[in-house]
Amino acid sequence: MRIAALALPLLLLACADPVTVTRAVDDRPTILVQGAPTGAVLFLDGKPVGSASAYAGDPGVLRVEPGTHVIEVRLGETLLMSRKVFLGGGEQRTLDVR
């Protein structure tokens, strides 16, 4: 009886389906914006994407598609920074507003 009690869990484990783990890697380029004052807004290709300080890294970064983009930081009507950048897959670019 003891052998049957020990063998039953082993038999059940042997009948289990194999486990497959799939991980998706997001290798889109990332942009970090550092030195932006409080209230500054980040624009990607003319469209606002949120507070510039939210993309200062740790962990906030802006993920974009590979290619050429225009990055702007504005505080109200004042343009603090404007850069045209080309980013390839997996690249990380840090832009300093100061």
N, C-alpha and C. Protein backbone atom coordinates (compact mmCIF):
# COMPACT_ATOMS: atom_id res chain seq x y z
N MET A 1 0.82 -1.19 0.00
CA MET A 1 0.00 0.00 0.00
C MET A 1 0.87 1.26 0.00
N ARG A 2 1.99 1.23 0.76
CA ARG A 2 2.88 2.38 0.83
C ARG A 2 3.50 2.66 -0.53
N ILE A 3 3.85 1.63 -1.24
CA ILE A 3 4.47 1.81 -2.55
C ILE A 3 3.49 2.44 -3.51
N ALA A 4 2.25 2.02 -3.46
CA ALA A 4 1.23 2.59 -4.34
C ALA A 4 0.99 4.06 -4.00
N ALA A 5 1.05 4.41 -2.72
CA ALA A 5 0.84 5.80 -2.31
C ALA A 5 1.99 6.67 -2.78
N LEU A 6 3.20 6.16 -2.83
CA LEU A 6 4.35 6.91 -3.31
C LEU A 6 4.40 6.95 -4.83
N ALA A 7 3.97 5.92 -5.48
CA ALA A 7 4.05 5.82 -6.94
C ALA A 7 2.97 6.67 -7.62
N LEU A 8 1.83 6.86 -6.98
CA LEU A 8 0.75 7.60 -7.60
C LEU A 8 1.14 9.04 -7.96
N PRO A 9 1.77 9.83 -7.06
CA PRO A 9 2.17 11.19 -7.47
C PRO A 9 3.20 11.19 -8.61
N LEU A 10 4.09 10.22 -8.61
CA LEU A 10 5.08 10.13 -9.69
C LEU A 10 4.42 9.83 -11.03
N LEU A 11 3.45 8.96 -11.02
CA LEU A 11 2.72 8.65 -12.25
C LEU A 11 1.95 9.86 -12.75
N LEU A 12 1.36 10.63 -11.84
CA LEU A 12 0.63 11.83 -12.24
C LEU A 12 1.56 12.88 -12.83
N LEU A 13 2.74 13.04 -12.26
CA LEU A 13 3.72 13.98 -12.80
C LEU A 13 4.19 13.55 -14.18
N ALA A 14 4.34 12.27 -14.39
CA ALA A 14 4.80 11.77 -15.68
C ALA A 14 3.77 12.02 -16.78
N CYS A 15 2.52 12.15 -16.41
CA CYS A 15 1.46 12.37 -17.40
C CYS A 15 1.21 13.84 -17.68
N ALA A 16 1.87 14.74 -16.98
CA ALA A 16 1.65 16.17 -17.17
C ALA A 16 2.21 16.63 -18.50
N ASP A 17 1.53 17.62 -19.09
CA ASP A 17 2.02 18.19 -20.35
C ASP A 17 3.30 18.97 -20.09
N PRO A 18 4.18 19.01 -21.09
CA PRO A 18 5.39 19.82 -20.91
C PRO A 18 5.03 21.30 -20.82
N VAL A 19 5.84 22.05 -20.11
CA VAL A 19 5.61 23.48 -19.93
C VAL A 19 6.52 24.24 -20.89
N THR A 20 5.94 25.14 -21.65
CA THR A 20 6.70 25.97 -22.57
C THR A 20 6.55 27.43 -22.16
N VAL A 21 7.67 28.14 -22.08
CA VAL A 21 7.65 29.54 -21.72
C VAL A 21 8.11 30.35 -22.92
N THR A 22 7.30 31.31 -23.30
CA THR A 22 7.65 32.19 -24.42
C THR A 22 7.80 33.60 -23.90
N ARG A 23 8.92 34.22 -24.23
CA ARG A 23 9.15 35.59 -23.80
C ARG A 23 9.25 36.48 -25.03
N ALA A 24 8.52 37.56 -25.02
CA ALA A 24 8.59 38.53 -26.11
C ALA A 24 9.56 39.63 -25.71
N VAL A 25 10.49 39.94 -26.59
CA VAL A 25 11.48 40.97 -26.33
C VAL A 25 11.07 42.22 -27.09
N ASP A 26 10.96 43.33 -26.38
CA ASP A 26 10.62 44.60 -27.01
C ASP A 26 11.92 45.35 -27.27
N ASP A 27 12.39 45.28 -28.51
CA ASP A 27 13.67 45.92 -28.83
C ASP A 27 13.50 47.25 -29.56
N ARG A 28 12.32 47.88 -29.35
CA ARG A 28 12.14 49.21 -29.93
C ARG A 28 13.10 50.19 -29.26
N PRO A 29 13.53 51.21 -29.99
CA PRO A 29 14.40 52.21 -29.40
C PRO A 29 13.71 52.94 -28.24
N THR A 30 14.52 53.45 -27.31
CA THR A 30 13.98 54.18 -26.18
C THR A 30 14.64 55.56 -26.07
N ILE A 31 13.88 56.50 -25.55
CA ILE A 31 14.35 57.87 -25.36
C ILE A 31 14.17 58.22 -23.89
N LEU A 32 15.21 58.79 -23.30
CA LEU A 32 15.16 59.32 -21.95
C LEU A 32 15.33 60.82 -22.05
N VAL A 33 14.57 61.55 -21.25
CA VAL A 33 14.65 63.01 -21.24
C VAL A 33 15.05 63.44 -19.84
N GLN A 34 16.22 64.06 -19.71
CA GLN A 34 16.69 64.46 -18.40
C GLN A 34 16.83 65.97 -18.32
N GLY A 35 16.63 66.49 -17.13
CA GLY A 35 16.80 67.92 -16.88
C GLY A 35 15.60 68.78 -17.23
N ALA A 36 14.47 68.18 -17.51
CA ALA A 36 13.27 68.95 -17.86
C ALA A 36 12.66 69.53 -16.58
N PRO A 37 12.25 70.80 -16.62
CA PRO A 37 11.64 71.39 -15.43
C PRO A 37 10.24 70.83 -15.18
N THR A 38 9.77 71.01 -13.97
CA THR A 38 8.43 70.58 -13.61
C THR A 38 7.40 71.28 -14.49
N GLY A 39 6.48 70.52 -15.03
CA GLY A 39 5.43 71.07 -15.88
C GLY A 39 5.75 71.02 -17.36
N ALA A 40 6.98 70.64 -17.73
CA ALA A 40 7.35 70.55 -19.15
C ALA A 40 6.68 69.34 -19.78
N VAL A 41 6.28 69.48 -21.03
CA VAL A 41 5.58 68.42 -21.75
C VAL A 41 6.48 67.93 -22.89
N LEU A 42 6.51 66.60 -23.06
CA LEU A 42 7.29 65.98 -24.13
C LEU A 42 6.39 65.76 -25.35
N PHE A 43 6.91 66.13 -26.52
CA PHE A 43 6.20 65.93 -27.78
C PHE A 43 7.00 64.99 -28.66
N LEU A 44 6.32 64.05 -29.29
CA LEU A 44 6.93 63.12 -30.25
C LEU A 44 6.25 63.35 -31.59
N ASP A 45 7.02 63.81 -32.55
CA ASP A 45 6.50 64.07 -33.89
C ASP A 45 5.27 64.99 -33.87
N GLY A 46 5.34 66.01 -33.01
CA GLY A 46 4.29 67.01 -32.94
C GLY A 46 3.11 66.67 -32.05
N LYS A 47 3.12 65.50 -31.43
CA LYS A 47 2.01 65.08 -30.57
C LYS A 47 2.47 64.97 -29.12
N PRO A 48 1.71 65.54 -28.18
CA PRO A 48 2.11 65.43 -26.77
C PRO A 48 2.00 64.00 -26.27
N VAL A 49 3.02 63.56 -25.51
CA VAL A 49 3.01 62.19 -24.97
C VAL A 49 3.02 62.19 -23.44
N GLY A 50 3.05 63.39 -22.83
CA GLY A 50 2.98 63.45 -21.38
C GLY A 50 4.07 64.31 -20.78
N SER A 51 4.12 64.28 -19.48
CA SER A 51 5.11 65.05 -18.73
C SER A 51 6.51 64.57 -19.09
N ALA A 52 7.40 65.51 -19.41
CA ALA A 52 8.77 65.15 -19.78
C ALA A 52 9.49 64.44 -18.64
N SER A 53 9.20 64.82 -17.41
CA SER A 53 9.87 64.20 -16.26
C SER A 53 9.48 62.73 -16.09
N ALA A 54 8.36 62.30 -16.67
CA ALA A 54 7.94 60.90 -16.59
C ALA A 54 8.84 60.00 -17.44
N TYR A 55 9.65 60.60 -18.31
CA TYR A 55 10.51 59.83 -19.21
C TYR A 55 11.98 60.05 -18.89
N ALA A 56 12.28 60.25 -17.62
CA ALA A 56 13.67 60.50 -17.20
C ALA A 56 14.41 59.22 -16.84
N GLY A 57 13.82 58.07 -17.12
CA GLY A 57 14.43 56.79 -16.77
C GLY A 57 13.99 56.34 -15.39
N ASP A 58 14.44 55.16 -15.02
CA ASP A 58 14.19 54.58 -13.69
C ASP A 58 12.73 54.62 -13.28
N PRO A 59 11.80 53.97 -13.87
CA PRO A 59 11.88 53.12 -15.05
C PRO A 59 11.32 53.76 -16.31
N GLY A 60 10.82 55.01 -16.22
CA GLY A 60 10.10 55.61 -17.34
C GLY A 60 10.96 55.95 -18.54
N VAL A 61 10.69 55.33 -19.66
CA VAL A 61 11.34 55.64 -20.93
C VAL A 61 10.26 55.72 -22.00
N LEU A 62 10.55 56.45 -23.05
CA LEU A 62 9.62 56.55 -24.16
C LEU A 62 10.06 55.57 -25.23
N ARG A 63 9.23 54.56 -25.51
CA ARG A 63 9.53 53.59 -26.57
C ARG A 63 8.94 54.10 -27.87
N VAL A 64 9.76 54.08 -28.93
CA VAL A 64 9.33 54.57 -30.23
C VAL A 64 9.65 53.52 -31.29
N GLU A 65 9.05 53.67 -32.44
CA GLU A 65 9.38 52.80 -33.56
C GLU A 65 10.73 53.24 -34.15
N PRO A 66 11.50 52.32 -34.71
CA PRO A 66 12.77 52.72 -35.34
C PRO A 66 12.51 53.72 -36.46
N GLY A 67 13.43 54.65 -36.63
CA GLY A 67 13.30 55.65 -37.68
C GLY A 67 13.63 57.04 -37.18
N THR A 68 13.24 58.04 -37.96
CA THR A 68 13.52 59.43 -37.65
C THR A 68 12.34 60.05 -36.92
N HIS A 69 12.62 60.77 -35.85
CA HIS A 69 11.58 61.39 -35.04
C HIS A 69 12.01 62.80 -34.64
N VAL A 70 11.03 63.67 -34.42
CA VAL A 70 11.28 65.00 -33.88
C VAL A 70 10.81 64.99 -32.44
N ILE A 71 11.75 65.27 -31.53
CA ILE A 71 11.47 65.28 -30.09
C ILE A 71 11.51 66.73 -29.63
N GLU A 72 10.45 67.16 -28.95
CA GLU A 72 10.39 68.52 -28.42
C GLU A 72 9.98 68.49 -26.96
N VAL A 73 10.51 69.45 -26.21
CA VAL A 73 10.09 69.65 -24.82
C VAL A 73 9.63 71.09 -24.73
N ARG A 74 8.40 71.28 -24.23
CA ARG A 74 7.82 72.61 -24.12
C ARG A 74 7.34 72.86 -22.70
N LEU A 75 7.49 74.10 -22.29
CA LEU A 75 6.96 74.55 -21.02
C LEU A 75 5.99 75.68 -21.35
N GLY A 76 4.70 75.34 -21.34
CA GLY A 76 3.70 76.29 -21.81
C GLY A 76 3.91 76.53 -23.31
N GLU A 77 4.06 77.79 -23.69
CA GLU A 77 4.30 78.15 -25.09
C GLU A 77 5.79 78.21 -25.43
N THR A 78 6.65 78.01 -24.45
CA THR A 78 8.10 78.12 -24.65
C THR A 78 8.70 76.78 -25.08
N LEU A 79 9.40 76.79 -26.20
CA LEU A 79 10.10 75.60 -26.70
C LEU A 79 11.45 75.52 -26.00
N LEU A 80 11.65 74.49 -25.17
CA LEU A 80 12.89 74.34 -24.42
C LEU A 80 13.94 73.54 -25.20
N MET A 81 13.48 72.60 -26.01
CA MET A 81 14.39 71.75 -26.76
C MET A 81 13.67 71.19 -27.97
N SER A 82 14.38 71.09 -29.08
CA SER A 82 13.85 70.43 -30.28
C SER A 82 15.00 69.70 -30.95
N ARG A 83 14.83 68.40 -31.16
CA ARG A 83 15.87 67.59 -31.79
C ARG A 83 15.25 66.64 -32.79
N LYS A 84 15.90 66.51 -33.92
CA LYS A 84 15.52 65.50 -34.90
C LYS A 84 16.52 64.37 -34.74
N VAL A 85 16.03 63.16 -34.43
CA VAL A 85 16.91 62.03 -34.15
C VAL A 85 16.52 60.83 -34.99
N PHE A 86 17.53 60.05 -35.36
CA PHE A 86 17.29 58.76 -36.00
C PHE A 86 17.66 57.69 -34.99
N LEU A 87 16.74 56.75 -34.78
CA LEU A 87 16.96 55.68 -33.80
C LEU A 87 16.78 54.33 -34.46
N GLY A 88 17.74 53.44 -34.22
CA GLY A 88 17.65 52.07 -34.73
C GLY A 88 17.14 51.14 -33.64
N GLY A 89 16.87 49.89 -34.01
CA GLY A 89 16.34 48.90 -33.08
C GLY A 89 17.23 48.70 -31.87
N GLY A 90 16.63 48.73 -30.69
CA GLY A 90 17.34 48.48 -29.45
C GLY A 90 18.17 49.65 -28.94
N GLU A 91 18.25 50.73 -29.70
CA GLU A 91 19.07 51.89 -29.31
C GLU A 91 18.40 52.66 -28.19
N GLN A 92 19.22 53.23 -27.31
CA GLN A 92 18.70 54.10 -26.25
C GLN A 92 19.40 55.45 -26.38
N ARG A 93 18.61 56.53 -26.41
CA ARG A 93 19.15 57.89 -26.55
C ARG A 93 18.72 58.71 -25.35
N THR A 94 19.67 59.41 -24.75
CA THR A 94 19.36 60.32 -23.65
C THR A 94 19.47 61.75 -24.16
N LEU A 95 18.41 62.52 -23.98
CA LEU A 95 18.38 63.92 -24.39
C LEU A 95 18.36 64.78 -23.13
N ASP A 96 19.28 65.74 -23.08
CA ASP A 96 19.39 66.62 -21.92
C ASP A 96 18.78 67.96 -22.26
N VAL A 97 17.79 68.38 -21.49
CA VAL A 97 17.07 69.61 -21.74
C VAL A 97 17.85 70.82 -21.22
N ARG A 98 18.69 70.63 -20.23
CA ARG A 98 19.41 71.76 -19.61
C ARG A 98 20.21 72.54 -20.60
